[in-house]
Every structure is written in structure tokens, then in C-alpha cells.
């Protein structure tokens, strides 16, 4: 009996050793395919650069700064190893143009990974994650009316209404003493906006501290970060976090289901419904053969999160940078005073006149794109700067990197809105905070209209300065946000 057990153990050990040797041989084979591409020395033969990235995450350091350092040191094509997989970072404008402006190379398989998160369906096959170009294109055409200029102009009332609620909330705290975490309030306001204009929901998140939605969105996005540690979900220390991620996604999807079913009933009863995002989602679902409500919920979640998270993050960075640069703050306030005056309602016709504010918003996105980049999967071999990247390779392009490279933007870490003045040279495929090409963000005009209305009101009404001893580190929660939330003290402006 014991002899049999011993032989069985030896056999298992032998198989494990053989498997390990085969795996090492496969890693070596992968190295040989990519070692002609420059990149930082690997910390480990098996794990590649994974220990570096895990260390950065543990210390709340930004992995994109590591990638930026690599691009500065090794050039426009950089190899990053992780176990048996390799992905390549490209920062060549010509290559970015090819990757994003054509449809030759589909979105990477990473987007399949966020179909589910830890066993719970997350973004599924929504507009962001759908890798099937034909199916995605059909969805996009159906959604376009909800982002047309006439419809967006009709949202100005809601933008003003919700922004005004934020101003009233800030007015209560504008004693030049109270510390205000601007990101938290902006986050809640943008959540109220997207709920109202996209789904006709009144969440009242700005005034309801107990609403679960801001936390649920944060935790759902946290799941994207946890994916970077494939074995993390099996660690006892991660059990509580993973469960909260699952619960948060379920809450969001259940909310979406209730909202969709309520709208479907309105349509069946002949009630007139708005041409909003939810109506377009239902139209898209009507064209699907299987009528699966889960597909409708995928798009609900996509717009619910994307329409809130990125705008709030951008606005928080705008506040932070204006508070750090009083001369720029005064200049943009002067423009708002000239265009808006003392009016409380920002009109559609006011938006194009706020040119310097537009420059401030663009410069903020250059330094702090909430979505730092996007990956593509090469369908064919791809050559950049004489270096051949094999087909079936994941290639990542990062606006965060190109926006901070000296060869594209002089003195890149300086906040300078004049980079985007009318007379300044236009960036050549190095500035793409909303991506580029056919798969660029459908909501970018929506987002920037909302941002302008909020900032115009804020600049019109308040002066603000940052709380002392504040770091300016960036937190990666799936999107980029100020780590300390842009903590400010506000005071009402004397002249409005």
C-alpha cells in the first residue's frame, strides 16, 4: 500500500516537473519571439515584469508612470513581459494612427475578460466591450441619435439644474475654512446627471449620503484593478473585497433591469418616452434575435458608469490644477465673467464662447486622461520604426504616455492651456483622451458640455484653494482620479 502511494507521489512529482519544464520552454520560446523589442530587464524569468507592477500597485504608485519611464528610455516600441504573455506599448504617432483610425486590428481580448468579473456578468457585450465590429457598428448607429446635437442641446436644462444643486451645496461650505473633498461631490453630481438624462431616474445622490451607487460604481471599477492579479481572488486577504465587487455589480445590474422593465412597460402601454439613451438601448435590443435582457443591461451599465465616472474625474483634476495655478484661475474666471456675467443659466450659445475654458479642459485631459489608453490585438505582423511586432500580440497605446513625452509636448509636466489655443499646432495622433477613429467615445461631446456648464458655474461663484500638505498623486481605480480627491477650501467671490 505504502509502496503504491510512494510511486503515485513520485509520478505526480514527475508530471509536475515535466509540466514546469515545458512551461519554462514555452516562456523561452516567447522570449525569442519578442526579445528583439527593447524593454526593461525582467525581474524574473517566469514572472517577467509582474513583480514590478505588483510592487507599484501595493505602494499606490501608478503603473502608467512605469510605462512612461520605459517609453522615455527605450523609445516608441517597448516590450513588457508577464509570465508567458507579452504585450507591447507603442507611442509612435504614425502607429497610433494606424491602430486607432483603421479597423484592421480589433479591440484586445482583455475586453472579453470583463464580460464577467469574478463570476458575475459585468459589461458583457455593451458598446465599450463588444469586439465583433459588425455587431458593435449596428449598436453604435442605433445609439447615435441619443448623442446628436439637437438632443444634447436639449440637455442643457438638466446640466444647469444639477450643477446649480452642486453650487448650493458648495455655498453651504464656502466659509474659507471647511475642507471640501471636491471629487466626492462632483462624483455624486455627475451620477445624478447621467441617471436623469440617460435613464429618467432621480437618484438624488448629491444630497443622499446613504445612496449605495457611488460606492457600487467604485467597487465595480475596482474589479478591473483586481484582474491584474489573476491569483488574487483566491487569496484569503482578498475575499471580502472580491465579494463586495460581486455584490456591487449585482446591485448595478438589478437597478438596470428594473429601469429597463419599467421603460418597456411604458412603451407597451403607449406612453410617450424620451429619445434618451435608455430608449435607444431598447431599440437596439429589439433588433437582437434572442431578445436577451442581459444584453440590454450590458449597455445600461456601460453608460451608467462611463457617463459618470470619467467626467467627475476630469472635473476634479481641473479644480486641482486651477487651484495650483492662480494666474490661470483668474484668467478663466475673467472669461466666464465676460461671457456669463451674473446669469445663473448657462446657455448653449455660451459654450463655444468659453474658449479658454475649453483649453483648460483639454490641457487637463492631456495630463490626466481618466481612461489612460486602449489595447488592440494585431491581426497581422506590424512594423514600427523598423521593429516587427508579431501578429496576435496585444499592443497598448496610452494617451497618458504620449501626452507626457517631451518630443510631443514641450515641458510636458507644466500645466499650460495655451497648448490648445487656436494658433497652437495641433497634436498629431498624440492626444486621444477619448480614443480616436470609429471606436472613439460616443459620449465625448456630452461629457465636455456637462463639464463646461459645471465649471462655468463654479468659476462664476467661487474662489478656491487647495488644502495644505496635499499630495498630487494619481489613483488608478480602473479610471484615473486625484488620490486625495482635490481637497479645497472655498469662498464666495465678491464680484459676480
Protein backbone atom coordinates (compact mmCIF):
# COMPACT_ATOMS: atom_id res chain seq x y z
CA UNK A 1 0.00 0.00 0.00
CA UNK A 2 2.70 2.46 1.06
CA UNK A 3 4.76 1.46 -1.95
CA UNK A 4 1.81 2.29 -4.22
CA UNK A 5 1.37 5.70 -2.55
CA UNK A 6 5.08 6.39 -2.90
CA UNK A 7 5.04 5.51 -6.59
CA UNK A 8 1.93 7.67 -7.09
CA UNK A 9 3.60 10.61 -5.40
CA UNK A 10 6.74 10.14 -7.48
CA UNK A 11 4.62 10.02 -10.62
CA UNK A 12 2.80 13.23 -9.65
CA UNK A 13 6.08 14.95 -8.87
CA UNK A 14 7.49 13.76 -12.17
CA UNK A 15 4.47 15.08 -14.06
CA UNK A 16 4.66 18.39 -12.21
CA UNK A 17 8.37 18.69 -13.02
CA UNK A 18 7.72 17.84 -16.69
CA UNK A 19 4.90 20.40 -16.86
CA UNK A 20 7.14 23.04 -15.25
CA UNK A 21 9.95 22.35 -17.72
CA UNK A 22 7.53 22.55 -20.64
CA UNK A 23 6.16 25.82 -19.29
CA UNK A 24 9.70 27.22 -18.96
CA UNK A 25 10.42 26.10 -22.53
CA UNK A 26 7.28 27.91 -23.69
CA UNK A 27 8.36 31.08 -21.88
CA UNK A 28 11.77 30.84 -23.53
CA UNK A 29 10.06 30.41 -26.91
CA UNK A 30 8.03 33.56 -26.20
CA UNK A 31 11.19 35.45 -25.22
CA UNK A 32 12.80 34.51 -28.51
CA UNK A 33 9.82 35.96 -30.43
CA UNK A 34 9.98 39.30 -28.63
CA UNK A 35 13.50 39.82 -27.32
CA UNK A 36 14.39 41.93 -30.37
CA UNK A 37 11.98 44.55 -29.00
CA UNK A 38 13.59 46.83 -26.38
CA UNK A 39 12.30 46.83 -22.84
CA UNK A 40 13.41 46.96 -19.20
CA UNK A 41 15.28 43.99 -17.72
CA UNK A 42 12.94 41.29 -16.46
CA UNK A 43 12.94 40.80 -12.70
CA UNK A 44 12.11 37.16 -13.11
CA UNK A 45 12.45 34.63 -15.92
CA UNK A 46 8.97 33.26 -15.24
CA UNK A 47 7.10 36.32 -13.93
CA UNK A 48 8.78 38.90 -16.18
CA UNK A 49 7.85 42.44 -15.11
CA UNK A 50 4.89 41.30 -12.99
CA UNK A 51 6.76 41.80 -9.66
CA UNK A 52 7.46 45.42 -10.63
CA UNK A 53 3.83 46.09 -11.41
CA UNK A 54 2.61 44.32 -8.26
CA UNK A 55 5.02 46.38 -6.17
CA UNK A 56 3.73 49.60 -7.75
CA UNK A 57 0.12 48.63 -7.04
CA UNK A 58 0.93 47.74 -3.42
CA UNK A 59 2.53 51.18 -2.90
CA UNK A 60 -0.32 53.03 -4.66
CA UNK A 61 2.07 54.07 -7.41
CA UNK A 62 0.81 54.45 -10.96
CA UNK A 63 1.82 51.68 -13.35
CA UNK A 64 1.46 54.12 -16.26
CA UNK A 65 4.36 56.16 -14.87
CA UNK A 66 6.48 53.00 -15.13
CA UNK A 67 5.34 52.60 -18.73
CA UNK A 68 6.13 56.28 -19.36
CA UNK A 69 9.66 55.83 -18.00
CA UNK A 70 10.07 52.84 -20.32
CA UNK A 71 8.91 54.85 -23.35
CA UNK A 72 11.34 57.66 -22.48
CA UNK A 73 14.23 55.22 -22.07
CA UNK A 74 13.57 52.61 -24.76
CA UNK A 75 11.70 54.53 -27.44
CA UNK A 76 8.37 54.21 -29.27
CA UNK A 77 8.14 50.40 -29.03
CA UNK A 78 8.52 48.76 -25.62
CA UNK A 79 8.15 45.13 -24.58
CA UNK A 80 6.52 44.25 -21.24
CA UNK A 81 6.64 40.61 -20.07
CA UNK A 82 4.18 38.95 -17.74
CA UNK A 83 4.59 35.21 -17.22
CA UNK A 84 4.18 33.61 -20.68
CA UNK A 85 2.45 36.65 -22.18
CA UNK A 86 3.99 39.75 -23.70
CA UNK A 87 2.32 42.99 -24.59
CA UNK A 88 3.87 45.90 -26.43
CA UNK A 89 3.47 49.61 -25.72
CA UNK A 90 3.55 51.83 -28.81
CA UNK A 91 3.96 55.62 -28.68
CA UNK A 92 4.69 56.36 -32.34
CA UNK A 93 2.08 58.78 -33.78
CA UNK A 94 2.10 57.01 -37.14
CA UNK A 95 1.50 53.65 -35.46
CA UNK A 96 -1.24 55.10 -33.24
CA UNK A 97 -2.93 56.46 -36.35
CA UNK A 98 -2.85 53.03 -37.97
CA UNK A 99 -4.07 51.22 -34.87
CA UNK A 100 -6.94 53.55 -33.97
CA UNK A 101 -8.01 55.13 -37.25
CA UNK A 102 -8.39 51.89 -39.20
CA UNK A 103 -10.41 48.80 -38.39
CA UNK A 104 -7.64 46.35 -39.25
CA UNK A 105 -6.89 45.47 -35.64
CA UNK A 106 -9.78 44.70 -33.25
CA UNK A 107 -10.03 45.52 -29.59
CA UNK A 108 -7.91 43.23 -27.46
CA UNK A 109 -9.20 40.09 -25.74
CA UNK A 110 -8.94 41.98 -22.45
CA UNK A 111 -12.45 43.21 -23.20
CA UNK A 112 -13.63 39.60 -23.16
CA UNK A 113 -12.23 39.30 -19.64
CA UNK A 114 -14.58 42.00 -18.35
CA UNK A 115 -17.65 40.30 -19.82
CA UNK A 116 -17.76 38.80 -16.32
CA UNK A 117 -15.91 39.85 -13.18
CA UNK A 118 -15.31 37.13 -10.61
CA UNK A 119 -18.24 35.05 -11.83
CA UNK A 120 -20.75 37.91 -12.21
CA UNK A 121 -21.66 39.39 -15.58
CA UNK A 122 -20.33 42.94 -15.73
CA UNK A 123 -20.11 44.87 -19.03
CA UNK A 124 -20.99 41.88 -21.18
CA UNK A 125 -21.27 42.84 -24.85
CA UNK A 126 -22.04 46.51 -24.37
CA UNK A 127 -20.87 49.26 -26.68
CA UNK A 128 -17.49 49.52 -24.95
CA UNK A 129 -16.61 45.84 -24.81
CA UNK A 130 -18.17 44.38 -27.98
CA UNK A 131 -15.23 43.09 -30.06
CA UNK A 132 -17.37 42.00 -33.01
CA UNK A 133 -17.07 45.04 -35.29
CA UNK A 134 -20.26 44.43 -37.28
CA UNK A 135 -22.37 43.90 -34.16
CA UNK A 136 -20.73 46.89 -32.46
CA UNK A 137 -21.33 49.09 -35.53
CA UNK A 138 -25.03 48.19 -35.52
CA UNK A 139 -25.24 49.13 -31.83
CA UNK A 140 -23.37 52.39 -32.42
CA UNK A 141 -25.70 53.51 -35.22
CA UNK A 142 -28.71 52.84 -33.01
CA UNK A 143 -27.20 54.86 -30.15
CA UNK A 144 -26.16 57.86 -32.28
CA UNK A 145 -29.50 59.75 -32.02
CA UNK A 146 -29.09 59.96 -28.22
CA UNK A 147 -25.85 61.89 -28.80
CA UNK A 148 -26.94 64.06 -31.71
CA UNK A 149 -26.52 67.82 -31.43
CA UNK A 150 -30.29 68.57 -31.17
CA UNK A 151 -30.69 66.07 -28.35
CA UNK A 152 -27.59 67.29 -26.49
CA UNK A 153 -28.80 70.88 -26.73
CA UNK A 154 -31.98 69.74 -25.02
CA UNK A 155 -29.94 68.52 -22.04
CA UNK A 156 -28.73 71.98 -21.09
CA UNK A 157 -31.64 72.40 -18.69
CA UNK A 158 -30.66 69.28 -16.73
CA UNK A 159 -26.96 70.19 -16.81
CA UNK A 160 -27.84 73.59 -15.33
CA UNK A 161 -30.29 72.20 -12.80
CA UNK A 162 -27.92 69.58 -11.36
CA UNK A 163 -24.92 71.93 -11.46
CA UNK A 164 -26.98 74.54 -9.60
CA UNK A 165 -27.74 71.97 -6.89
CA UNK A 166 -24.00 71.44 -6.54
CA UNK A 167 -23.39 75.19 -6.25
CA UNK A 168 -25.97 75.40 -3.45
CA UNK A 169 -24.25 72.54 -1.67
CA UNK A 170 -20.87 74.24 -2.04
CA UNK A 171 -22.28 77.56 -0.88
CA UNK A 172 -23.03 75.95 2.49
CA UNK A 173 -19.34 75.10 2.85
CA UNK A 174 -17.81 78.26 1.34
CA UNK A 175 -16.51 79.81 4.56
CA UNK A 176 -12.81 79.60 3.58
CA UNK A 177 -12.33 77.18 6.50
CA UNK A 178 -14.27 74.00 5.75
CA UNK A 179 -12.36 71.33 3.88
CA UNK A 180 -14.29 70.11 0.83
CA UNK A 181 -13.38 66.92 -0.99
CA UNK A 182 -14.36 68.14 -4.43
CA UNK A 183 -14.15 64.80 -6.18
CA UNK A 184 -16.76 63.26 -3.91
CA UNK A 185 -19.33 65.98 -4.61
CA UNK A 186 -18.57 66.12 -8.33
CA UNK A 187 -18.87 62.34 -8.46
CA UNK A 188 -22.34 62.47 -6.93
CA UNK A 189 -23.49 65.30 -9.16
CA UNK A 190 -22.40 63.61 -12.39
CA UNK A 191 -24.17 60.47 -11.20
CA UNK A 192 -27.38 62.46 -10.79
CA UNK A 193 -26.91 63.91 -14.29
CA UNK A 194 -26.39 60.62 -16.13
CA UNK A 195 -29.24 58.94 -14.22
CA UNK A 196 -31.63 61.73 -15.19
CA UNK A 197 -30.69 62.42 -18.81
CA UNK A 198 -29.94 58.83 -19.82
CA UNK A 199 -32.49 56.82 -17.84
CA UNK A 200 -35.02 59.33 -16.42
CA UNK A 201 -34.06 58.35 -12.87
CA UNK A 202 -33.88 60.76 -9.92
CA UNK A 203 -31.11 59.34 -7.73
CA UNK A 204 -30.52 62.45 -5.61
CA UNK A 205 -27.02 61.16 -4.90
CA UNK A 206 -25.72 64.67 -4.19
CA UNK A 207 -27.94 65.03 -1.13
CA UNK A 208 -28.33 61.40 -0.08
CA UNK A 209 -25.20 60.27 1.74
CA UNK A 210 -26.63 56.76 2.13
CA UNK A 211 -27.20 56.03 -1.54
CA UNK A 212 -25.21 52.91 -2.44
CA UNK A 213 -24.50 53.83 -6.07
CA UNK A 214 -21.25 55.85 -5.77
CA UNK A 215 -19.68 53.07 -3.72
CA UNK A 216 -21.07 50.38 -6.03
CA UNK A 217 -19.53 52.04 -9.09
CA UNK A 218 -16.21 52.48 -7.28
CA UNK A 219 -16.12 48.80 -6.32
CA UNK A 220 -17.20 47.60 -9.76
CA UNK A 221 -14.31 49.58 -11.25
CA UNK A 222 -12.03 48.21 -8.53
CA UNK A 223 -12.66 44.83 -10.07
CA UNK A 224 -10.72 45.90 -13.16
CA UNK A 225 -7.69 46.55 -10.96
CA UNK A 226 -8.03 43.23 -9.17
CA UNK A 227 -7.91 41.47 -12.56
CA UNK A 228 -4.24 42.42 -12.79
CA UNK A 229 -3.53 39.84 -10.09
CA UNK A 230 -5.04 36.66 -11.57
CA UNK A 231 -4.46 34.65 -8.38
CA UNK A 232 -5.67 37.46 -6.11
CA UNK A 233 -9.25 36.21 -5.95
CA UNK A 234 -8.02 33.01 -4.31
CA UNK A 235 -6.13 34.81 -1.55
CA UNK A 236 -7.93 34.92 1.83
CA UNK A 237 -6.99 38.60 2.25
CA UNK A 238 -8.93 39.45 -0.94
CA UNK A 239 -12.08 37.51 -0.11
CA UNK A 240 -14.01 40.45 1.36
CA UNK A 241 -13.07 42.83 -1.48
CA UNK A 242 -13.97 40.32 -4.20
CA UNK A 243 -17.34 39.67 -2.57
CA UNK A 244 -18.10 43.41 -2.39
CA UNK A 245 -17.19 43.72 -6.07
CA UNK A 246 -19.65 40.94 -6.92
CA UNK A 247 -22.38 42.47 -4.76
CA UNK A 248 -21.81 45.91 -6.29
CA UNK A 249 -22.12 44.59 -9.84
CA UNK A 250 -25.31 42.74 -8.91
CA UNK A 251 -26.77 45.95 -7.44
CA UNK A 252 -26.00 47.90 -10.62
CA UNK A 253 -27.36 45.20 -12.91
CA UNK A 254 -30.53 44.76 -10.84
CA UNK A 255 -31.07 48.52 -10.99
CA UNK A 256 -30.62 48.39 -14.75
CA UNK A 257 -33.08 45.53 -15.08
CA UNK A 258 -35.76 47.38 -13.08
CA UNK A 259 -35.21 50.54 -15.12
CA UNK A 260 -35.43 48.68 -18.44
CA UNK A 261 -38.54 46.75 -17.48
CA UNK A 262 -40.25 49.96 -16.33
CA UNK A 263 -39.48 51.64 -19.68
CA UNK A 264 -40.60 48.56 -21.63
CA UNK A 265 -43.96 48.70 -19.88
CA UNK A 266 -44.31 52.39 -20.74
CA UNK A 267 -43.70 51.57 -24.41
CA UNK A 268 -46.22 48.69 -24.32
CA UNK A 269 -48.82 50.99 -22.70
CA UNK A 270 -48.35 53.57 -25.44
CA UNK A 271 -46.84 56.17 -23.12
CA UNK A 272 -44.62 58.71 -24.89
CA UNK A 273 -40.96 58.17 -23.95
CA UNK A 274 -37.95 60.47 -24.48
CA UNK A 275 -35.29 59.85 -27.13
CA UNK A 276 -32.77 59.17 -24.41
CA UNK A 277 -30.07 56.55 -24.03
CA UNK A 278 -32.45 54.05 -22.45
CA UNK A 279 -34.89 54.29 -25.36
CA UNK A 280 -32.03 53.69 -27.80
CA UNK A 281 -30.89 50.69 -25.76
CA UNK A 282 -34.39 49.22 -26.12
CA UNK A 283 -34.36 49.85 -29.86
CA UNK A 284 -31.06 48.02 -30.11
CA UNK A 285 -32.47 45.14 -28.11
CA UNK A 286 -35.49 44.91 -30.43
CA UNK A 287 -33.13 44.10 -33.29
CA UNK A 288 -31.45 41.25 -31.43
CA UNK A 289 -32.71 37.80 -32.36
CA UNK A 290 -32.80 36.32 -28.88
CA UNK A 291 -34.32 39.31 -27.05
CA UNK A 292 -31.94 38.68 -24.12
CA UNK A 293 -32.48 41.36 -21.45
CA UNK A 294 -28.93 40.79 -20.23
CA UNK A 295 -27.66 42.44 -23.43
CA UNK A 296 -29.78 45.50 -22.63
CA UNK A 297 -28.41 45.61 -19.11
CA UNK A 298 -24.86 45.47 -20.51
CA UNK A 299 -25.40 48.81 -22.22
CA UNK A 300 -27.21 50.26 -19.20
CA UNK A 301 -24.15 49.52 -17.05
CA UNK A 302 -21.76 50.79 -19.72
CA UNK A 303 -23.44 54.20 -19.98
CA UNK A 304 -24.31 54.44 -16.29
CA UNK A 305 -20.66 54.08 -15.30
CA UNK A 306 -18.90 55.72 -18.25
CA UNK A 307 -21.23 58.71 -18.28
CA UNK A 308 -20.49 59.50 -14.68
CA UNK A 309 -17.03 58.29 -13.70
CA UNK A 310 -14.81 59.93 -16.33
CA UNK A 311 -16.46 63.37 -16.20
CA UNK A 312 -16.24 63.54 -12.41
CA UNK A 313 -12.57 62.58 -12.51
CA UNK A 314 -11.78 65.17 -15.16
CA UNK A 315 -13.57 67.93 -13.23
CA UNK A 316 -11.71 67.06 -10.04
CA UNK A 317 -8.38 67.33 -11.87
CA UNK A 318 -9.48 70.68 -13.37
CA UNK A 319 -10.21 72.06 -9.90
CA UNK A 320 -6.90 70.76 -8.62
CA UNK A 321 -4.84 72.31 -11.43
CA UNK A 322 -6.64 75.67 -11.35
CA UNK A 323 -6.07 75.86 -7.60
CA UNK A 324 -2.37 75.15 -8.19
CA UNK A 325 -2.16 77.90 -10.82
CA UNK A 326 -3.89 81.08 -9.54
CA UNK A 327 -2.94 83.07 -12.65
CA UNK A 328 -4.75 80.57 -14.89
CA UNK A 329 -7.68 80.52 -12.48
CA UNK A 330 -8.01 84.31 -12.68
CA UNK A 331 -7.81 84.26 -16.46
CA UNK A 332 -10.54 81.65 -16.89
CA UNK A 333 -12.72 83.39 -14.28
CA UNK A 334 -12.41 86.62 -16.25
CA UNK A 335 -13.62 84.82 -19.37
CA UNK A 336 -16.60 83.35 -17.51
CA UNK A 337 -17.46 86.79 -16.12
CA UNK A 338 -17.37 88.25 -19.62
CA UNK A 339 -19.45 85.52 -21.25
CA UNK A 340 -21.88 84.55 -18.48
CA UNK A 341 -21.89 87.65 -16.30
CA UNK A 342 -24.22 87.21 -13.34
CA UNK A 343 -26.66 84.91 -15.16
CA UNK A 344 -27.41 81.67 -13.35
CA UNK A 345 -28.32 79.73 -16.51
CA UNK A 346 -25.59 78.76 -18.95
CA UNK A 347 -26.98 78.78 -22.50
CA UNK A 348 -25.95 76.53 -25.36
CA UNK A 349 -24.68 79.60 -27.24
CA UNK A 350 -22.35 80.41 -24.33
CA UNK A 351 -20.35 77.20 -24.67
CA UNK A 352 -18.32 77.99 -27.83
CA UNK A 353 -17.52 81.44 -26.41
CA UNK A 354 -15.78 79.88 -23.41
CA UNK A 355 -12.65 79.22 -25.46
CA UNK A 356 -10.08 79.47 -22.71
CA UNK A 357 -12.15 77.16 -20.51
CA UNK A 358 -12.10 74.68 -23.40
CA UNK A 359 -8.32 74.93 -23.43
CA UNK A 360 -8.20 74.30 -19.68
CA UNK A 361 -10.38 71.21 -20.07
CA UNK A 362 -8.22 69.86 -22.91
CA UNK A 363 -4.97 70.51 -21.09
CA UNK A 364 -6.33 68.68 -18.06
CA UNK A 365 -7.15 65.69 -20.26
CA UNK A 366 -3.65 65.79 -21.72
CA UNK A 367 -2.05 65.35 -18.30
CA UNK A 368 -4.81 63.37 -16.64
CA UNK A 369 -6.85 61.31 -19.12
CA UNK A 370 -9.37 59.42 -16.94
CA UNK A 371 -9.07 56.49 -19.34
CA UNK A 372 -5.29 56.34 -19.90
CA UNK A 373 -5.29 54.22 -23.05
CA UNK A 374 -6.66 51.29 -25.00
CA UNK A 375 -5.30 47.91 -26.23
CA UNK A 376 -5.59 46.39 -29.68
CA UNK A 377 -4.92 42.86 -30.91
CA UNK A 378 -2.74 42.61 -34.01
CA UNK A 379 -4.36 40.58 -36.77
CA UNK A 380 -1.15 40.73 -38.82
CA UNK A 381 2.53 41.40 -38.23
CA UNK A 382 3.01 45.11 -37.56
CA UNK A 383 6.21 47.10 -38.07
CA UNK A 384 7.01 50.24 -36.10
CA UNK A 385 10.31 52.06 -36.53
CA UNK A 386 11.85 49.02 -38.20
CA UNK A 387 10.79 46.67 -35.38
CA UNK A 388 8.42 43.87 -36.32
CA UNK A 389 5.72 43.05 -33.76
CA UNK A 390 4.31 39.54 -34.36
CA UNK A 391 0.62 39.08 -35.10
CA UNK A 392 -1.68 38.04 -32.22
CA UNK A 393 0.20 40.43 -29.94
CA UNK A 394 -1.59 42.83 -27.61
CA UNK A 395 -0.49 46.38 -28.43
CA UNK A 396 -1.37 49.16 -26.00
CA UNK A 397 -1.48 52.87 -26.86
CA UNK A 398 -1.66 55.35 -23.99
CA UNK A 399 -2.70 58.98 -24.24
CA UNK A 400 -1.24 59.27 -20.72
CA UNK A 401 2.20 58.43 -22.16
CA UNK A 402 2.17 60.45 -25.38
CA UNK A 403 0.71 63.43 -23.51
CA UNK A 404 3.73 63.45 -21.20
CA UNK A 405 6.55 62.87 -23.68
CA UNK A 406 8.91 65.79 -24.33
CA UNK A 407 9.14 65.12 -28.07
CA UNK A 408 5.41 65.76 -28.44
CA UNK A 409 4.75 68.43 -25.81
CA UNK A 410 7.43 70.88 -24.70
CA UNK A 411 7.92 70.91 -20.93
CA UNK A 412 5.17 68.29 -20.70
CA UNK A 413 4.59 68.33 -16.94
CA UNK A 414 3.77 72.05 -16.97
CA UNK A 415 0.04 72.82 -16.99
CA UNK A 416 -0.33 75.20 -19.94
CA UNK A 417 -3.78 75.64 -21.54
CA UNK A 418 -2.22 77.74 -24.33
CA UNK A 419 -1.05 74.47 -25.92
CA UNK A 420 -4.63 74.23 -27.21
CA UNK A 421 -5.12 77.81 -28.37
CA UNK A 422 -6.33 78.35 -31.92
CA UNK A 423 -2.88 79.34 -33.16
CA UNK A 424 -1.03 76.45 -31.49
CA UNK A 425 -0.03 73.46 -33.64
CA UNK A 426 -2.49 70.59 -33.35
CA UNK A 427 -1.23 67.36 -31.76
CA UNK A 428 -0.60 64.70 -34.39
CA UNK A 429 -2.09 61.46 -33.01
CA UNK A 430 -0.54 62.05 -29.58
CA UNK A 431 -3.65 63.39 -27.82
CA UNK A 432 -6.57 60.96 -27.66
CA UNK A 433 -8.25 61.00 -24.21
CA UNK A 434 -11.47 59.77 -25.85
CA UNK A 435 -9.64 57.41 -28.22
CA UNK A 436 -9.75 58.03 -31.99
CA UNK A 437 -11.42 56.66 -35.08
CA UNK A 438 -14.73 54.85 -35.37
CA UNK A 439 -14.45 53.41 -31.84
CA UNK A 440 -13.84 56.74 -30.15
CA UNK A 441 -16.04 57.56 -27.15
CA UNK A 442 -19.62 58.25 -28.24
CA UNK A 443 -20.18 60.46 -25.20
CA UNK A 444 -17.26 62.87 -25.51
CA UNK A 445 -19.34 65.90 -26.60
CA UNK A 446 -21.90 65.12 -23.90
CA UNK A 447 -19.12 64.93 -21.31
CA UNK A 448 -17.45 68.20 -22.30
CA UNK A 449 -20.75 70.11 -22.46
CA UNK A 450 -21.53 68.98 -18.94
CA UNK A 451 -18.00 69.82 -17.77
CA UNK A 452 -18.25 73.33 -19.21
CA UNK A 453 -21.57 74.07 -17.54
CA UNK A 454 -20.33 72.86 -14.15
CA UNK A 455 -17.01 74.70 -14.36
CA UNK A 456 -18.62 77.92 -15.62
CA UNK A 457 -20.92 78.00 -12.60
CA UNK A 458 -18.13 77.06 -10.19
CA UNK A 459 -15.76 79.73 -11.55
CA UNK A 460 -18.52 82.32 -11.59
CA UNK A 461 -19.43 81.81 -7.95
CA UNK A 462 -16.36 80.71 -6.00
CA UNK A 463 -12.68 81.17 -5.38
CA UNK A 464 -10.92 78.07 -4.14
CA UNK A 465 -7.53 76.98 -2.89
CA UNK A 466 -6.08 73.60 -2.06
CA UNK A 467 -5.71 72.35 1.49
CA UNK A 468 -2.06 72.46 2.58
CA UNK A 469 0.21 69.39 2.63
CA UNK A 470 -1.79 67.72 -0.11
CA UNK A 471 -0.12 65.28 -2.44
CA UNK A 472 -0.94 65.27 -6.12
CA UNK A 473 -0.64 61.54 -6.66
CA UNK A 474 -2.98 59.82 -9.08
CA UNK A 475 -5.12 56.87 -8.02
CA UNK A 476 -5.93 54.12 -10.50
CA UNK A 477 -9.40 52.75 -9.80
CA UNK A 478 -9.95 51.47 -13.32
CA UNK A 479 -10.01 55.12 -14.32
CA UNK A 480 -7.62 57.82 -13.06
CA UNK A 481 -8.67 60.23 -10.31
CA UNK A 482 -6.89 62.51 -7.81
CA UNK A 483 -5.79 60.30 -4.93
CA UNK A 484 -6.76 62.84 -2.28
CA UNK A 485 -9.91 63.95 -4.04
CA UNK A 486 -8.85 67.58 -4.75
CA UNK A 487 -9.37 68.80 -1.18
CA UNK A 488 -10.18 72.52 -1.24
CA UNK A 489 -11.41 75.44 0.81
CA UNK A 490 -13.90 77.71 -0.94
CA UNK A 491 -15.14 81.24 -0.54
CA UNK A 492 -17.86 83.11 -2.38
CA UNK A 493 -16.47 85.53 -4.95
CA UNK A 494 -17.01 89.15 -4.05
CA UNK A 495 -17.72 90.21 -7.64
CA UNK A 496 -20.03 88.08 -9.75
